[in-house]
Amino acid sequence: MEVVGSNYPPPPFKVAMSKLVSFGTMGAVATTFFGEKMFEMLGTQRPEFVVSMQNNKMSSCMGAWFLGNTVSQNLLNTGAFEVYYDGEVIFSKLEEKRLPNIPEIIRSLDVAKLERASRRGGGGAAEPEAISDVERNPF
């Protein structure tokens, strides 16, 4: 059996929002360093918060960076832990709202293997005994 880990895709709306937050982060950093010139080119006076950001460049950049990355990562976090065997769902944290325990996954895999074997016309009677050994002592 091969175990392959992968990322569960977040919804497209959250991906778009995450990218927007990243652009906002870069905009805040750019405003910190080039705000004076940007507002000068626009022919307007700098807002007070831009003056404050420019006076505190290090804290402004670090704050924008940490806040932006935190929000972006939270938007992309799905909290998924999905277990598939032969294309079928064995366990879904999104449906169950909890993580599985090892014996539960092993039992589910055992059932899926038996179903697969019965569809192919083969038997799989020896496998449950070996797995029940693991269930008693999963470590």
Protein backbone atom coordinates (compact mmCIF):
# COMPACT_ATOMS: atom_id res chain seq x y z
CA MET A 1 0.00 0.00 0.00
CA GLU A 2 1.28 3.45 -0.89
CA VAL A 3 0.53 6.51 1.23
CA VAL A 4 0.47 9.84 -0.60
CA GLY A 5 0.00 13.14 1.21
CA SER A 6 -1.39 16.14 -0.62
CA ASN A 7 -3.12 19.44 0.04
CA TYR A 8 -6.90 19.62 -0.02
CA PRO A 9 -7.81 22.52 -2.34
CA PRO A 10 -9.46 25.54 -0.70
CA PRO A 11 -12.49 27.13 -2.37
CA PRO A 12 -11.63 29.52 -5.27
CA PHE A 13 -13.15 32.50 -3.42
CA LYS A 14 -10.77 32.01 -0.49
CA VAL A 15 -7.80 31.66 -2.86
CA ALA A 16 -8.77 34.96 -4.49
CA MET A 17 -9.18 36.65 -1.09
CA SER A 18 -5.77 35.32 0.01
CA LYS A 19 -4.15 36.84 -3.08
CA LEU A 20 -5.93 40.13 -2.41
CA VAL A 21 -4.56 40.13 1.15
CA SER A 22 -1.05 39.47 -0.22
CA PHE A 23 -1.38 42.44 -2.58
CA GLY A 24 -2.58 44.54 0.36
CA THR A 25 0.49 43.49 2.35
CA MET A 26 2.82 44.48 -0.47
CA GLY A 27 0.90 47.75 -0.83
CA ALA A 28 1.39 48.53 2.85
CA VAL A 29 5.12 47.82 2.63
CA ALA A 30 5.40 49.94 -0.53
CA THR A 31 3.46 52.77 1.14
CA THR A 32 5.84 52.62 4.09
CA PHE A 33 8.87 53.21 1.89
CA PHE A 34 7.46 55.22 -1.02
CA GLY A 35 4.34 56.86 0.45
CA GLU A 36 5.76 60.37 0.34
CA LYS A 37 6.60 60.12 -3.37
CA MET A 38 3.32 58.34 -4.20
CA PHE A 39 1.16 61.07 -2.66
CA GLU A 40 3.41 63.78 -4.12
CA MET A 41 2.83 62.31 -7.59
CA LEU A 42 -0.92 62.25 -6.93
CA GLY A 43 -0.76 65.88 -5.87
CA THR A 44 -2.31 65.27 -2.46
CA GLN A 45 -1.14 65.54 1.08
CA ARG A 46 -0.01 62.41 2.92
CA PRO A 47 -2.57 61.06 5.38
CA GLU A 48 -1.46 60.95 9.01
CA PHE A 49 -1.34 57.15 9.09
CA VAL A 50 1.12 57.15 6.15
CA VAL A 51 3.33 59.65 7.98
CA SER A 52 3.18 57.39 11.06
CA MET A 53 4.04 54.31 8.96
CA GLN A 54 7.02 56.10 7.46
CA ASN A 55 8.25 57.26 10.85
CA ASN A 56 8.08 53.64 12.11
CA LYS A 57 9.26 51.72 9.06
CA MET A 58 10.44 48.58 10.85
CA SER A 59 7.30 48.06 12.94
CA SER A 60 5.00 49.00 10.03
CA CYS A 61 6.61 46.49 7.67
CA MET A 62 6.77 43.73 10.27
CA GLY A 63 3.17 44.33 11.32
CA ALA A 64 1.91 44.31 7.73
CA TRP A 65 3.96 41.21 6.93
CA PHE A 66 2.86 39.18 9.97
CA LEU A 67 -0.78 40.25 9.82
CA GLY A 68 -1.00 39.72 6.06
CA ASN A 69 0.58 36.26 6.19
CA THR A 70 -1.59 35.19 9.12
CA VAL A 71 -4.81 36.24 7.40
CA SER A 72 -3.69 34.73 4.09
CA GLN A 73 -2.80 31.36 5.63
CA ASN A 74 -6.05 31.23 7.61
CA LEU A 75 -8.00 31.80 4.40
CA LEU A 76 -6.20 28.88 2.72
CA ASN A 77 -6.50 26.49 5.67
CA THR A 78 -9.21 23.89 5.00
CA GLY A 79 -8.65 21.74 8.09
CA ALA A 80 -9.10 18.67 5.88
CA PHE A 81 -7.81 15.22 6.74
CA GLU A 82 -9.22 12.93 4.09
CA VAL A 83 -8.28 9.26 3.72
CA TYR A 84 -8.97 7.55 0.39
CA TYR A 85 -8.47 3.96 -0.68
CA ASP A 86 -8.91 3.00 -4.32
CA GLY A 87 -10.66 6.32 -5.00
CA GLU A 88 -13.23 5.90 -2.21
CA VAL A 89 -13.40 7.97 0.97
CA ILE A 90 -12.36 5.94 4.01
CA PHE A 91 -12.46 8.83 6.48
CA SER A 92 -13.30 12.53 6.14
CA LYS A 93 -12.52 15.06 8.87
CA LEU A 94 -14.66 17.58 7.00
CA GLU A 95 -17.70 15.29 7.40
CA GLU A 96 -16.94 13.82 10.84
CA LYS A 97 -15.61 17.07 12.40
CA ARG A 98 -12.90 15.11 14.22
CA LEU A 99 -9.64 13.26 13.57
CA PRO A 100 -9.68 9.46 13.28
CA ASN A 101 -7.81 7.06 15.53
CA ILE A 102 -5.46 4.43 14.11
CA PRO A 103 -7.70 1.38 14.70
CA GLU A 104 -10.59 3.18 13.01
CA ILE A 105 -8.52 3.82 9.87
CA ILE A 106 -7.24 0.25 9.86
CA ARG A 107 -10.78 -1.18 10.17
CA SER A 108 -12.02 1.09 7.38
CA LEU A 109 -9.10 0.08 5.15
CA ASP A 110 -9.80 -3.57 5.92
CA VAL A 111 -13.44 -3.21 4.90
CA ALA A 112 -12.46 -1.36 1.73
CA LYS A 113 -9.90 -4.06 0.84
CA LEU A 114 -12.52 -6.78 1.33
CA GLU A 115 -15.03 -4.89 -0.82
CA ARG A 116 -12.40 -4.41 -3.51
CA ALA A 117 -11.47 -8.09 -3.41
CA SER A 118 -15.13 -9.17 -3.65
CA ARG A 119 -15.67 -6.89 -6.67
CA ARG A 120 -12.68 -8.47 -8.40
CA GLY A 121 -13.82 -11.95 -7.51
CA GLY A 122 -10.95 -12.68 -5.12
CA GLY A 123 -10.94 -13.47 -1.46
CA GLY A 124 -9.36 -11.56 1.36
CA ALA A 125 -10.04 -13.59 4.49
CA ALA A 126 -6.44 -13.70 5.76
CA GLU A 127 -6.00 -9.97 5.90
CA PRO A 128 -8.49 -9.15 8.72
CA GLU A 129 -6.64 -11.33 11.21
CA ALA A 130 -3.33 -9.58 10.53
CA ILE A 131 -4.97 -6.21 10.87
CA SER A 132 -6.80 -7.10 14.08
CA ASP A 133 -3.35 -7.75 15.57
CA VAL A 134 -2.40 -4.16 14.75
CA GLU A 135 -5.69 -2.89 16.17
CA ARG A 136 -4.90 -4.38 19.57
CA ASN A 137 -1.49 -2.65 19.66
CA PRO A 138 -1.28 0.16 17.07
CA PHE A 139 2.21 1.16 18.20
